Amino acid sequence: MINVKCDYRIREDIGFIVEADKTNYAELSDKTGISRTTLEEIRKTGKTTPGVCEKFYAYIYEKGYRINSTKEHLLKENDPYVLFHGSKNGLSEITHTGARHNCDFGKGFYLGETYNQAISFVFSNKNSSVYSFGYSLKGLKIERFDCSLDWMLAICYYRGTLAEYLPNKMIYDIISRIEAADLIIAPIADNKMFYTMAQFTDGEINADVALHSLSASNLGLQYIFKTEKAINNLHPIEKYYLCSPERDDCRKRSVGRGYEIDTKIKLAKREYKTGLYIEEILK
């Protein structure tokens, strides 16, 4: 277990905006609706409230400052070993048993390669935030997957859609590799992509259609820290506030992705008509 003691760096962010916008605290107070007393308190202590964060970060977002994603780029310029986690209600600690058992690869602490990946899983919750973590791969047993049949079968197994095909040696061998690993590195599969996988496990589309549709979605990689040894290779860096305008933009992108995936499935169905169906693979 690791305690997560990082918080919003609103004091530094306010200082940046004052400098970048060539403004002062009195003008910033007028523009954001945050009292000068509150701004002064933040400057002294760094302490704030969600309401104040919303006013400040919504104001700078609507002015065109993408401060959270910019911080990601700056972090990775100094250290490429940075990952991101989206939390619906905030983190106080992390463990390797924290996720639901029916997540993509079972229990573990899930992180993505980018800030935008992380926000895409939590934008619908008004209390959500994103965290950055530094990490090391040293000493870890790692199992890697690409967008392959093994990857798709593993996710379908952990999400509970392969019950009628168990026990099965092919599935058992895949799961054994996963459970023996400290860390899994694999393509991300969100709920829209899982809908495609469910069509495969229901026998509606063949494996080639499913995999070509999923590979085109290209959400990037997820890192699942599945053991205490792996968790100890993480250290928290910063917590990022998600204001309403930013969450609204993410919601719009999500709707667009849904249409895109539906189109890819239809095109793949026309192109890949001779692939194997699930009952043929797991017979």
Protein backbone atom coordinates (compact mmCIF):
# COMPACT_ATOMS: atom_id res chain seq x y z
CA MET A 1 0.00 0.00 0.00
CA ILE A 2 1.15 3.55 -0.78
CA ASN A 3 -0.32 6.71 0.72
CA VAL A 4 -1.23 9.35 -1.87
CA LYS A 5 -0.42 12.71 -0.33
CA CYS A 6 -0.29 14.92 -3.41
CA ASP A 7 -2.92 17.60 -4.04
CA TYR A 8 -3.89 20.31 -6.53
CA ARG A 9 -1.06 22.79 -7.11
CA ILE A 10 -3.44 25.70 -7.37
CA ARG A 11 -1.02 28.12 -5.72
CA GLU A 12 1.57 27.51 -8.45
CA ASP A 13 -1.12 27.55 -11.15
CA ILE A 14 -2.48 30.91 -10.00
CA GLY A 15 1.04 32.32 -9.99
CA PHE A 16 1.54 31.06 -13.54
CA ILE A 17 -1.69 32.68 -14.78
CA VAL A 18 -0.87 36.01 -13.11
CA GLU A 19 2.47 36.00 -14.91
CA ALA A 20 1.30 34.58 -18.26
CA ASP A 21 -1.76 36.84 -18.50
CA LYS A 22 0.18 39.88 -17.25
CA THR A 23 -2.53 40.47 -14.66
CA ASN A 24 -2.64 40.91 -10.88
CA TYR A 25 -4.57 39.36 -8.01
CA ALA A 26 -7.18 42.12 -7.93
CA GLU A 27 -8.00 41.64 -11.62
CA LEU A 28 -7.96 37.86 -11.27
CA SER A 29 -10.43 38.16 -8.40
CA ASP A 30 -12.80 40.19 -10.58
CA LYS A 31 -12.53 37.78 -13.52
CA THR A 32 -12.94 34.53 -11.54
CA GLY A 33 -15.33 35.62 -8.79
CA ILE A 34 -12.86 34.43 -6.15
CA SER A 35 -12.41 36.96 -3.37
CA ARG A 36 -9.04 38.66 -2.95
CA THR A 37 -8.95 37.34 0.64
CA THR A 38 -9.31 33.77 -0.64
CA LEU A 39 -6.66 34.28 -3.31
CA GLU A 40 -4.29 35.67 -0.70
CA GLU A 41 -4.97 32.68 1.57
CA ILE A 42 -4.19 30.30 -1.29
CA ARG A 43 -0.98 32.20 -2.03
CA LYS A 44 0.09 31.78 1.61
CA THR A 45 -1.04 28.22 2.36
CA GLY A 46 -1.94 26.51 -0.91
CA LYS A 47 -5.19 25.36 0.70
CA THR A 48 -8.44 25.61 -1.26
CA THR A 49 -11.94 24.18 -1.75
CA PRO A 50 -13.62 22.44 -4.72
CA GLY A 51 -15.78 25.52 -5.35
CA VAL A 52 -12.76 27.78 -5.62
CA CYS A 53 -10.97 25.25 -7.84
CA GLU A 54 -13.96 25.15 -10.18
CA LYS A 55 -14.05 28.93 -10.54
CA PHE A 56 -10.33 29.23 -11.21
CA TYR A 57 -9.77 26.22 -13.47
CA ALA A 58 -12.98 26.78 -15.46
CA TYR A 59 -11.91 30.39 -16.05
CA ILE A 60 -8.45 29.50 -17.36
CA TYR A 61 -9.76 26.57 -19.42
CA GLU A 62 -12.26 28.80 -21.19
CA LYS A 63 -9.43 31.26 -21.89
CA GLY A 64 -7.65 28.47 -23.76
CA TYR A 65 -5.11 27.36 -21.15
CA ARG A 66 -4.84 23.55 -21.21
CA ILE A 67 -2.75 23.53 -18.08
CA ASN A 68 -3.21 19.86 -17.14
CA SER A 69 -2.22 18.38 -20.49
CA THR A 70 0.64 20.88 -20.76
CA LYS A 71 1.98 19.68 -17.41
CA GLU A 72 1.95 16.15 -18.83
CA HIS A 73 4.24 17.20 -21.69
CA LEU A 74 6.61 19.00 -19.32
CA LEU A 75 6.73 16.01 -16.98
CA LYS A 76 7.58 13.61 -19.79
CA GLU A 77 10.28 15.89 -21.16
CA ASN A 78 12.12 15.43 -17.86
CA ASP A 79 11.14 11.80 -17.19
CA PRO A 80 9.39 9.47 -19.67
CA TYR A 81 8.39 7.12 -16.84
CA VAL A 82 5.12 8.87 -15.97
CA LEU A 83 1.63 7.34 -15.91
CA PHE A 84 -1.85 8.70 -15.15
CA HIS A 85 -4.82 7.44 -13.14
CA GLY A 86 -8.36 8.82 -13.21
CA SER A 87 -10.26 8.64 -9.92
CA LYS A 88 -14.00 9.26 -9.52
CA ASN A 89 -13.78 10.39 -5.90
CA GLY A 90 -10.08 10.97 -5.12
CA LEU A 91 -7.30 8.79 -3.75
CA SER A 92 -5.90 8.55 -0.24
CA GLU A 93 -4.00 5.31 -0.78
CA ILE A 94 -3.40 2.71 -3.49
CA THR A 95 -3.13 -1.07 -3.26
CA HIS A 96 -2.77 -3.92 -5.72
CA THR A 97 -6.23 -5.19 -4.73
CA GLY A 98 -8.02 -1.90 -5.35
CA ALA A 99 -9.83 -2.50 -8.64
CA ARG A 100 -13.04 -4.47 -9.18
CA HIS A 101 -12.46 -8.16 -9.95
CA ASN A 102 -14.23 -7.73 -13.31
CA CYS A 103 -11.90 -5.04 -14.68
CA ASP A 104 -9.92 -5.86 -17.85
CA PHE A 105 -7.25 -7.91 -16.08
CA GLY A 106 -8.81 -8.46 -12.67
CA LYS A 107 -7.54 -6.96 -9.44
CA GLY A 108 -4.78 -4.36 -9.63
CA PHE A 109 -4.06 -0.64 -9.82
CA TYR A 110 -4.74 0.64 -13.35
CA LEU A 111 -2.91 3.52 -15.02
CA GLY A 112 -2.68 4.85 -18.57
CA GLU A 113 0.07 6.43 -20.63
CA THR A 114 -1.57 9.82 -21.02
CA TYR A 115 -3.62 12.41 -19.19
CA ASN A 116 -6.38 12.23 -21.83
CA GLN A 117 -6.68 8.46 -21.37
CA ALA A 118 -7.20 8.94 -17.64
CA ILE A 119 -9.83 11.66 -17.92
CA SER A 120 -11.82 9.63 -20.47
CA PHE A 121 -12.76 7.10 -17.78
CA VAL A 122 -13.90 9.55 -15.08
CA PHE A 123 -15.19 12.71 -16.78
CA SER A 124 -18.84 11.92 -16.02
CA ASN A 125 -18.31 12.22 -12.26
CA LYS A 126 -18.25 15.79 -10.91
CA ASN A 127 -15.87 14.80 -8.07
CA SER A 128 -13.35 13.17 -10.37
CA SER A 129 -9.69 14.07 -10.69
CA VAL A 130 -6.55 12.75 -12.35
CA TYR A 131 -3.25 11.79 -10.71
CA SER A 132 0.22 11.44 -12.19
CA PHE A 133 2.64 8.78 -10.95
CA GLY A 134 6.29 8.10 -11.59
CA TYR A 135 7.15 4.43 -11.99
CA SER A 136 9.95 1.93 -12.44
CA LEU A 137 9.96 -1.49 -14.11
CA LYS A 138 12.99 -2.65 -12.15
CA GLY A 139 12.68 -6.14 -10.70
CA LEU A 140 9.16 -6.73 -11.99
CA LYS A 141 7.87 -9.75 -13.88
CA ILE A 142 6.04 -8.20 -16.84
CA GLU A 143 3.45 -9.73 -19.16
CA ARG A 144 2.85 -7.75 -22.35
CA PHE A 145 -0.07 -7.99 -24.77
CA ASP A 146 -0.73 -6.39 -28.11
CA CYS A 147 -4.14 -6.18 -29.80
CA SER A 148 -4.38 -9.93 -30.22
CA LEU A 149 -6.73 -12.83 -29.63
CA ASP A 150 -5.03 -13.59 -26.29
CA TRP A 151 -5.64 -9.99 -25.16
CA MET A 152 -9.29 -10.09 -26.18
CA LEU A 153 -9.92 -13.47 -24.54
CA ALA A 154 -8.26 -12.32 -21.31
CA ILE A 155 -10.49 -9.25 -21.05
CA CYS A 156 -13.60 -11.28 -21.89
CA TYR A 157 -12.63 -13.79 -19.18
CA TYR A 158 -12.16 -11.18 -16.45
CA ARG A 159 -15.30 -9.33 -17.49
CA GLY A 160 -17.26 -12.55 -17.17
CA THR A 161 -18.46 -13.32 -20.69
CA LEU A 162 -16.70 -16.65 -21.27
CA ALA A 163 -18.42 -18.79 -18.62
CA GLU A 164 -19.98 -21.17 -21.15
CA TYR A 165 -16.53 -21.98 -22.60
CA LEU A 166 -14.87 -22.90 -19.28
CA PRO A 167 -12.85 -24.88 -18.44
CA ASN A 168 -10.67 -24.37 -21.49
CA LYS A 169 -6.91 -24.94 -21.71
CA MET A 170 -6.25 -21.98 -24.04
CA ILE A 171 -7.96 -19.58 -21.65
CA TYR A 172 -6.35 -21.20 -18.60
CA ASP A 173 -2.86 -20.73 -20.09
CA ILE A 174 -3.53 -17.03 -20.77
CA ILE A 175 -4.88 -16.39 -17.26
CA SER A 176 -1.99 -18.28 -15.67
CA ARG A 177 0.48 -15.93 -17.37
CA ILE A 178 -1.44 -12.91 -16.11
CA GLU A 179 -1.76 -14.09 -12.52
CA ALA A 180 1.97 -14.91 -12.36
CA ALA A 181 2.96 -11.36 -13.38
CA ASP A 182 3.66 -8.28 -11.25
CA LEU A 183 2.71 -5.93 -14.07
CA ILE A 184 0.53 -6.22 -17.17
CA ILE A 185 1.09 -3.86 -20.11
CA ALA A 186 -1.70 -4.08 -22.67
CA PRO A 187 -3.96 -2.01 -24.94
CA ILE A 188 -6.75 -0.17 -23.16
CA ALA A 189 -10.30 -1.44 -23.68
CA ASP A 190 -13.05 0.94 -22.62
CA ASN A 191 -16.74 0.05 -22.43
CA LYS A 192 -17.34 0.98 -26.07
CA MET A 193 -14.62 -1.45 -27.13
CA PHE A 194 -16.00 -4.11 -24.79
CA TYR A 195 -19.30 -3.89 -26.65
CA THR A 196 -17.38 -5.12 -29.70
CA MET A 197 -15.83 -7.93 -27.66
CA ALA A 198 -19.28 -8.90 -26.38
CA GLN A 199 -20.46 -9.23 -29.98
CA PHE A 200 -17.55 -11.65 -30.50
CA THR A 201 -18.32 -13.76 -27.41
CA ASP A 202 -22.02 -13.82 -28.39
CA GLY A 203 -21.05 -15.26 -31.78
CA GLU A 204 -22.30 -12.24 -33.75
CA ILE A 205 -18.92 -11.36 -35.32
CA ASN A 206 -15.74 -13.34 -35.95
CA ALA A 207 -12.35 -12.74 -34.33
CA ASP A 208 -10.90 -10.92 -37.33
CA VAL A 209 -13.76 -8.41 -37.42
CA ALA A 210 -13.46 -7.82 -33.69
CA LEU A 211 -9.69 -7.38 -33.63
CA HIS A 212 -9.51 -5.11 -36.67
CA SER A 213 -12.26 -2.94 -35.20
CA LEU A 214 -10.51 -2.79 -31.82
CA SER A 215 -7.02 -2.13 -33.17
CA ALA A 216 -8.30 0.87 -35.10
CA SER A 217 -9.62 2.41 -31.86
CA ASN A 218 -6.05 2.78 -30.56
CA LEU A 219 -6.60 4.20 -27.06
CA GLY A 220 -3.01 3.46 -26.07
CA LEU A 221 -1.62 1.19 -23.37
CA GLN A 222 -2.72 0.51 -19.82
CA TYR A 223 -0.38 -0.56 -17.03
CA ILE A 224 -1.88 -2.83 -14.36
CA PHE A 225 0.18 -3.10 -11.17
CA LYS A 226 -1.04 -6.44 -9.78
CA THR A 227 1.24 -7.12 -6.80
CA GLU A 228 2.52 -5.27 -3.76
CA LYS A 229 5.99 -5.47 -5.25
CA ALA A 230 4.75 -3.62 -8.33
CA ILE A 231 2.85 -1.00 -6.30
CA ASN A 232 6.06 -0.18 -4.43
CA ASN A 233 7.58 0.87 -7.77
CA LEU A 234 5.12 3.79 -7.98
CA HIS A 235 5.32 7.27 -6.47
CA PRO A 236 2.60 9.94 -6.71
CA ILE A 237 3.48 13.28 -8.34
CA GLU A 238 0.45 15.57 -8.67
CA LYS A 239 -3.36 15.73 -8.53
CA TYR A 240 -5.18 17.56 -11.36
CA TYR A 241 -8.55 19.30 -11.07
CA LEU A 242 -11.10 18.56 -13.80
CA CYS A 243 -13.32 21.61 -14.33
CA SER A 244 -16.79 21.42 -15.90
CA PRO A 245 -15.78 22.81 -19.34
CA GLU A 246 -13.00 20.25 -19.64
CA ARG A 247 -15.31 17.40 -18.64
CA ASP A 248 -17.88 18.62 -21.18
CA ASP A 249 -15.28 18.57 -23.95
CA CYS A 250 -14.31 15.02 -22.99
CA ARG A 251 -17.97 13.97 -23.09
CA LYS A 252 -18.28 15.28 -26.65
CA ARG A 253 -15.16 13.36 -27.71
CA SER A 254 -16.61 10.21 -26.15
CA VAL A 255 -19.81 10.48 -28.20
CA GLY A 256 -17.73 10.90 -31.35
CA ARG A 257 -15.72 7.77 -30.50
CA GLY A 258 -18.94 5.77 -30.22
CA TYR A 259 -19.94 6.64 -33.79
CA GLU A 260 -16.40 5.93 -34.98
CA ILE A 261 -16.32 2.43 -33.45
CA ASP A 262 -19.74 1.57 -34.92
CA THR A 263 -18.51 2.60 -38.36
CA LYS A 264 -15.32 0.53 -38.01
CA ILE A 265 -17.34 -2.56 -37.07
CA LYS A 266 -19.55 -2.18 -40.14
CA LEU A 267 -16.53 -1.76 -42.43
CA ALA A 268 -14.68 -4.69 -40.84
CA LYS A 269 -17.72 -6.95 -41.24
CA ARG A 270 -17.60 -6.33 -44.99
CA GLU A 271 -13.83 -6.83 -45.23
CA TYR A 272 -13.22 -9.85 -42.97
CA LYS A 273 -15.90 -12.44 -43.66
CA THR A 274 -13.83 -15.63 -43.28
CA GLY A 275 -12.41 -15.31 -39.74
CA LEU A 276 -13.05 -17.85 -36.99
CA TYR A 277 -15.96 -17.50 -34.57
CA ILE A 278 -15.60 -18.07 -30.85
CA GLU A 279 -17.10 -21.56 -30.86
CA GLU A 280 -14.52 -22.58 -33.48
CA ILE A 281 -11.61 -21.11 -31.50
CA LEU A 282 -12.59 -22.57 -28.12
CA LYS A 283 -14.10 -25.86 -29.30
